[in-house]
Amino acid sequence: MGKKHLLISGAVAVLCAGILVLFTDIEVRTVHWFNCGPWSSSGEKASQACR
């Protein structure tokens, strides 16, 4: 494998890792909003996970 292929493979790997981190962060925020948001019960809002 040439140097060009290695650089392209590295760039694709970095891009995929960045997309994974971005979507994981969005998913965590969305789940937190649904669990602790305006429609959750007062017990859920007072839980340790929502603080």
Protein backbone atom coordinates (compact mmCIF):
# COMPACT_ATOMS: atom_id res chain seq x y z
CA MET A 1 0.00 0.00 0.00
CA GLY A 2 1.43 3.32 -1.03
CA LYS A 3 1.77 6.46 1.01
CA LYS A 4 -1.24 8.01 -0.73
CA HIS A 5 -3.49 5.08 0.21
CA LEU A 6 -2.29 5.25 3.79
CA LEU A 7 -3.12 8.97 4.03
CA ILE A 8 -6.58 8.43 2.52
CA SER A 9 -7.27 5.55 4.90
CA GLY A 10 -6.20 7.69 7.84
CA ALA A 11 -8.42 10.57 6.73
CA VAL A 12 -11.42 8.25 6.35
CA ALA A 13 -10.78 6.74 9.79
CA VAL A 14 -10.61 10.20 11.40
CA LEU A 15 -13.80 11.25 9.60
CA CYS A 16 -15.65 8.12 10.76
CA ALA A 17 -14.46 8.61 14.35
CA GLY A 18 -15.62 12.24 14.28
CA ILE A 19 -19.07 11.26 13.00
CA LEU A 20 -19.35 8.57 15.68
CA VAL A 21 -18.45 11.04 18.45
CA LEU A 22 -20.89 13.63 17.08
CA PHE A 23 -23.84 11.25 16.90
CA THR A 24 -23.04 9.73 20.30
CA ASP A 25 -23.06 13.21 21.86
CA ILE A 26 -26.37 14.06 20.17
CA GLU A 27 -27.88 10.77 21.32
CA VAL A 28 -26.80 11.29 24.94
CA ARG A 29 -28.25 14.82 24.99
CA THR A 30 -31.52 13.62 23.42
CA VAL A 31 -31.94 10.78 25.91
CA HIS A 32 -31.18 13.17 28.79
CA TRP A 33 -33.74 15.66 27.48
CA PHE A 34 -36.44 12.99 27.18
CA ASN A 35 -35.68 11.56 30.64
CA CYS A 36 -35.33 14.91 32.43
CA GLY A 37 -37.27 17.25 30.17
CA PRO A 38 -40.60 19.02 30.53
CA TRP A 39 -42.71 15.83 30.34
CA SER A 40 -40.82 13.85 32.96
CA SER A 41 -42.20 13.30 36.45
CA SER A 42 -40.93 15.23 39.45
CA GLY A 43 -39.26 12.08 40.76
CA GLU A 44 -37.29 11.67 37.55
CA LYS A 45 -36.28 15.34 37.56
CA ALA A 46 -34.99 14.97 41.13
CA SER A 47 -33.00 11.83 40.34
CA GLN A 48 -29.20 11.73 40.41
CA ALA A 49 -29.04 11.27 36.63
CA CYS A 50 -30.84 14.57 35.99
CA ARG A 51 -28.63 16.71 38.20
